[in-house]
């Protein structure tokens, strides 16, 4: 269970000039509502937000970010994909920051439906990925994660903290009181991730390819948008499990 002092967030990495921060939880379990996790990277006093979430979370995430950095120092916002729990608050964030927004090029024409009037600050990530420069020196890597589950999805790797933000990949659905910050026992954790990954990930062909790309990066942590953070043996166990998983169209006979 997440401790009371961790509800408002936790610094996952810090070296004096660079931080990778989990921004906490809603503080209240609501059955039937997807619990989301937002993250903030700060490098030399400038910030990038990762999947800041929907409209109903906006005030909570603003308050969480403000504990670590002034809102006017947010230079970039990264969206792993287009789902409303990820991006439906985009118009509000564009209204209170001067940040540039980065998302798969597939979703540029859909974002105006979330209320964007001026889309000049929304920039496409090409299918094969790219480097995302923030501030004077930080260069993050957009890692293709297409069809996991979105056809235009990216993970984001921070080479300083060695943390990979994975979006929906690795997501867990916890029962009330079972939430944790880190995955401590992967064998037990599988019960919280299996159903989602088997149904939402497109096929083993793509999960295996993504796992191979992640192994080459050698991250110290994988931080998903839902659930808990993977590190140490749990990270290795998760990649082994996901790379062998039959999912999506591999299981199509179950759905027709």
Protein backbone atom coordinates (compact mmCIF):
# COMPACT_ATOMS: atom_id res chain seq x y z
CA UNK A 1 0.00 0.00 0.00
CA UNK A 2 1.25 3.51 -0.82
CA UNK A 3 2.26 5.32 2.36
CA UNK A 4 0.58 8.61 3.26
CA UNK A 5 3.80 10.57 2.77
CA UNK A 6 4.09 9.21 -0.79
CA UNK A 7 0.62 10.25 -1.97
CA UNK A 8 2.03 13.63 -3.02
CA UNK A 9 4.84 12.11 -5.04
CA UNK A 10 8.33 10.69 -4.83
CA UNK A 11 11.67 11.57 -6.39
CA UNK A 12 12.79 8.45 -8.26
CA UNK A 13 16.18 9.92 -9.25
CA UNK A 14 18.14 13.04 -8.37
CA UNK A 15 21.75 14.08 -8.92
CA UNK A 16 21.70 17.80 -8.06
CA UNK A 17 20.84 19.16 -11.51
CA UNK A 18 18.54 16.45 -12.81
CA UNK A 19 15.45 14.82 -11.28
CA UNK A 20 12.87 12.25 -12.37
CA UNK A 21 9.75 12.57 -10.22
CA UNK A 22 6.60 10.49 -9.78
CA UNK A 23 3.86 13.03 -9.06
CA UNK A 24 1.79 10.95 -6.69
CA UNK A 25 -1.78 9.68 -6.75
CA UNK A 26 -5.27 11.02 -6.53
CA UNK A 27 -5.19 9.98 -2.90
CA UNK A 28 -8.54 8.22 -3.10
CA UNK A 29 -9.35 4.90 -4.71
CA UNK A 30 -12.38 5.12 -6.97
CA UNK A 31 -13.75 1.84 -8.26
CA UNK A 32 -14.33 1.86 -12.01
CA UNK A 33 -12.05 4.86 -12.59
CA UNK A 34 -8.65 4.31 -14.20
CA UNK A 35 -5.92 5.33 -11.76
CA UNK A 36 -3.20 7.22 -13.61
CA UNK A 37 0.37 8.21 -12.82
CA UNK A 38 2.08 11.38 -14.02
CA UNK A 39 5.79 12.14 -14.07
CA UNK A 40 8.01 15.22 -14.21
CA UNK A 41 11.60 15.48 -15.39
CA UNK A 42 13.58 18.53 -14.24
CA UNK A 43 16.92 19.28 -15.85
CA UNK A 44 18.91 22.39 -14.90
CA UNK A 45 15.77 24.10 -13.66
CA UNK A 46 13.61 23.37 -16.72
CA UNK A 47 10.81 20.81 -16.82
CA UNK A 48 9.08 18.28 -19.04
CA UNK A 49 5.74 16.70 -18.12
CA UNK A 50 4.94 13.12 -19.09
CA UNK A 51 1.29 12.17 -19.79
CA UNK A 52 -0.20 14.87 -17.51
CA UNK A 53 -3.68 13.38 -17.82
CA UNK A 54 -7.28 14.38 -18.28
CA UNK A 55 -9.31 17.44 -17.38
CA UNK A 56 -10.50 16.10 -14.01
CA UNK A 57 -6.89 15.64 -12.85
CA UNK A 58 -5.65 19.05 -13.98
CA UNK A 59 -5.78 20.92 -10.67
CA UNK A 60 -4.22 18.03 -8.76
CA UNK A 61 -1.34 17.67 -11.23
CA UNK A 62 -0.73 21.44 -11.28
CA UNK A 63 -0.45 21.38 -7.48
CA UNK A 64 1.89 18.39 -7.61
CA UNK A 65 4.16 19.96 -10.23
CA UNK A 66 4.27 23.22 -8.28
CA UNK A 67 5.86 21.45 -5.33
CA UNK A 68 8.96 20.87 -7.45
CA UNK A 69 9.10 23.59 -10.11
CA UNK A 70 7.32 26.77 -11.20
CA UNK A 71 4.69 26.05 -13.87
CA UNK A 72 6.22 28.70 -16.17
CA UNK A 73 9.41 26.61 -16.31
CA UNK A 74 7.68 23.67 -18.04
CA UNK A 75 9.20 23.67 -21.54
CA UNK A 76 7.74 20.46 -22.97
CA UNK A 77 4.87 18.03 -22.53
CA UNK A 78 5.18 14.47 -23.84
CA UNK A 79 2.14 12.36 -24.68
CA UNK A 80 2.78 8.65 -25.13
CA UNK A 81 -0.44 8.33 -27.15
CA UNK A 82 -3.89 9.85 -27.65
CA UNK A 83 -6.12 8.31 -24.98
CA UNK A 84 -8.19 10.82 -22.97
CA UNK A 85 -6.68 9.71 -19.65
CA UNK A 86 -3.34 10.81 -21.15
CA UNK A 87 -4.11 13.91 -23.17
CA UNK A 88 -7.61 15.35 -22.69
CA UNK A 89 -6.26 18.13 -20.47
CA UNK A 90 -4.01 19.43 -23.25
CA UNK A 91 -5.89 22.70 -23.85
CA UNK A 92 -5.60 23.59 -20.15
CA UNK A 93 -1.85 22.90 -20.12
CA UNK A 94 -1.30 24.95 -23.26
CA UNK A 95 -3.21 27.74 -21.57
CA UNK A 96 -1.00 27.98 -18.46
CA UNK A 97 2.41 27.17 -19.98
CA UNK A 98 4.44 28.06 -23.04
CA UNK A 99 5.40 24.42 -23.43
CA UNK A 100 5.72 22.58 -26.70
CA UNK A 101 3.71 19.36 -26.93
CA UNK A 102 5.10 16.18 -28.49
CA UNK A 103 2.93 13.31 -29.69
CA UNK A 104 2.88 10.75 -32.51
CA UNK A 105 2.28 12.34 -35.89
CA UNK A 106 -0.77 10.06 -36.25
CA UNK A 107 -2.69 12.01 -33.59
CA UNK A 108 -2.13 15.64 -34.56
CA UNK A 109 -5.48 15.95 -36.32
CA UNK A 110 -7.39 14.38 -33.41
CA UNK A 111 -6.13 16.64 -30.62
CA UNK A 112 -8.26 19.65 -31.69
CA UNK A 113 -11.25 17.64 -30.47
CA UNK A 114 -9.90 18.25 -26.94
CA UNK A 115 -10.42 22.00 -27.43
CA UNK A 116 -7.14 23.20 -28.94
CA UNK A 117 -7.54 26.39 -30.92
CA UNK A 118 -3.87 27.03 -31.78
CA UNK A 119 -2.00 23.85 -32.66
CA UNK A 120 1.30 25.49 -33.66
CA UNK A 121 2.92 24.34 -30.40
CA UNK A 122 1.94 20.70 -30.97
CA UNK A 123 4.82 18.90 -32.70
CA UNK A 124 4.81 15.45 -34.34
CA UNK A 125 7.03 12.53 -33.41
CA UNK A 126 7.84 10.52 -36.56
CA UNK A 127 7.02 6.82 -36.59
CA UNK A 128 10.61 5.66 -36.12
CA UNK A 129 11.11 7.93 -33.12
CA UNK A 130 13.33 10.92 -32.54
CA UNK A 131 15.39 12.78 -29.98
CA UNK A 132 13.55 15.30 -27.84
CA UNK A 133 15.73 18.19 -26.69
CA UNK A 134 14.78 20.02 -23.50
CA UNK A 135 16.77 22.93 -22.13
CA UNK A 136 20.42 23.48 -22.99
CA UNK A 137 21.69 19.90 -22.69
CA UNK A 138 19.04 17.23 -22.12
CA UNK A 139 18.25 14.86 -24.99
CA UNK A 140 15.53 12.28 -24.41
CA UNK A 141 14.83 9.34 -26.74
CA UNK A 142 11.35 8.67 -28.14
CA UNK A 143 11.20 4.88 -28.44
CA UNK A 144 8.63 3.43 -30.89
CA UNK A 145 6.00 1.35 -29.09
CA UNK A 146 3.38 1.18 -31.84
CA UNK A 147 0.39 -1.13 -31.39
CA UNK A 148 1.07 -1.36 -27.64
CA UNK A 149 -1.81 -0.57 -27.56
CA UNK A 150 -2.11 2.54 -29.74
CA UNK A 151 -1.00 2.41 -33.41
CA UNK A 152 0.91 5.61 -32.66
CA UNK A 153 2.57 5.12 -29.28
CA UNK A 154 5.99 6.01 -27.86
CA UNK A 155 7.96 5.35 -24.72
CA UNK A 156 10.39 8.02 -23.52
CA UNK A 157 13.90 7.21 -22.26
CA UNK A 158 15.84 9.56 -20.00
CA UNK A 159 19.56 8.66 -20.30
CA UNK A 160 20.54 10.63 -17.19
CA UNK A 161 18.25 8.87 -14.71
CA UNK A 162 18.18 5.73 -16.86
CA UNK A 163 14.39 5.62 -16.44
CA UNK A 164 12.10 4.60 -19.28
CA UNK A 165 8.59 6.07 -19.18
CA UNK A 166 6.52 3.35 -20.85
CA UNK A 167 3.01 4.81 -21.02
CA UNK A 168 0.46 1.98 -20.93
CA UNK A 169 3.11 -0.74 -21.24
CA UNK A 170 3.50 -2.43 -17.87
CA UNK A 171 0.22 -0.96 -16.64
CA UNK A 172 -1.42 -2.63 -13.65
CA UNK A 173 -4.96 -2.51 -12.31
CA UNK A 174 -4.90 -2.70 -8.50
CA UNK A 175 -7.65 -3.50 -6.07
CA UNK A 176 -8.29 -0.99 -3.29
CA UNK A 177 -5.47 -0.98 -0.76
CA UNK A 178 -3.12 -2.94 -3.02
CA UNK A 179 -1.42 0.04 -4.66
CA UNK A 180 2.38 0.25 -4.37
CA UNK A 181 5.05 2.58 -5.77
CA UNK A 182 7.37 -0.25 -6.87
CA UNK A 183 6.78 -3.82 -8.02
CA UNK A 184 8.34 -5.92 -5.27
CA UNK A 185 7.15 -9.41 -6.30
CA UNK A 186 6.66 -9.83 -10.04
CA UNK A 187 5.14 -13.32 -9.76
CA UNK A 188 2.37 -11.83 -7.64
CA UNK A 189 2.15 -8.67 -9.77
CA UNK A 190 1.32 -10.65 -12.93
CA UNK A 191 -2.27 -11.03 -11.76
CA UNK A 192 -2.64 -7.23 -11.98
CA UNK A 193 -1.20 -6.88 -15.49
CA UNK A 194 -2.06 -10.03 -17.42
CA UNK A 195 -5.65 -9.23 -18.43
CA UNK A 196 -4.82 -5.76 -19.71
CA UNK A 197 -1.78 -6.80 -21.71
CA UNK A 198 -3.39 -9.88 -23.22
CA UNK A 199 -6.32 -7.83 -24.52
CA UNK A 200 -4.78 -4.44 -25.37
CA UNK A 201 -1.33 -5.28 -26.77
CA UNK A 202 -1.62 -6.09 -30.48
CA UNK A 203 0.52 -9.23 -30.72
CA UNK A 204 3.65 -10.95 -29.50
CA UNK A 205 5.44 -9.71 -32.62
CA UNK A 206 5.32 -6.13 -31.33
CA UNK A 207 5.80 -6.85 -27.61
CA UNK A 208 8.94 -8.87 -28.39
CA UNK A 209 10.32 -6.11 -30.63
CA UNK A 210 9.74 -3.45 -27.96
CA UNK A 211 11.38 -5.60 -25.27
CA UNK A 212 14.44 -6.05 -27.48
CA UNK A 213 14.72 -2.27 -27.95
CA UNK A 214 14.35 -1.68 -24.21
CA UNK A 215 17.00 -4.24 -23.31
CA UNK A 216 19.46 -2.41 -25.55
CA UNK A 217 18.82 0.77 -23.55
CA UNK A 218 19.47 -1.04 -20.24
CA UNK A 219 17.17 1.12 -18.09
CA UNK A 220 17.35 1.02 -14.30
CA UNK A 221 13.58 1.54 -14.03
CA UNK A 222 10.48 1.27 -16.21
CA UNK A 223 7.79 3.72 -15.12
CA UNK A 224 4.30 3.05 -16.55
CA UNK A 225 1.32 5.39 -16.59
CA UNK A 226 -0.76 3.04 -14.43
CA UNK A 227 0.27 0.71 -11.62
CA UNK A 228 3.78 0.54 -10.18
CA UNK A 229 7.39 1.13 -11.21
CA UNK A 230 9.63 -1.78 -12.25
CA UNK A 231 13.24 -1.99 -11.09
CA UNK A 232 15.86 -4.64 -10.37
CA UNK A 233 14.72 -8.22 -10.77
CA UNK A 234 11.10 -7.17 -11.32
CA UNK A 235 12.19 -5.20 -14.40
CA UNK A 236 14.05 -8.17 -15.87
CA UNK A 237 11.15 -10.50 -15.05
CA UNK A 238 8.65 -8.14 -16.67
CA UNK A 239 10.63 -7.96 -19.94
CA UNK A 240 11.00 -11.75 -20.02
CA UNK A 241 7.26 -12.16 -19.45
CA UNK A 242 6.19 -9.53 -21.98
CA UNK A 243 8.56 -10.73 -24.71
CA UNK A 244 6.98 -14.19 -24.55
CA UNK A 245 3.37 -13.06 -24.09
CA UNK A 246 0.67 -14.23 -26.48
CA UNK A 247 -1.75 -11.31 -26.78
CA UNK A 248 -4.10 -9.40 -29.07
CA UNK A 249 -4.48 -11.09 -32.44
CA UNK A 250 -2.54 -14.11 -31.12
CA UNK A 251 -5.69 -14.79 -29.07
CA UNK A 252 -8.22 -13.71 -31.70
CA UNK A 253 -10.11 -17.01 -31.57
CA UNK A 254 -11.28 -16.07 -28.06
CA UNK A 255 -13.14 -13.01 -29.35
CA UNK A 256 -14.90 -14.24 -32.51
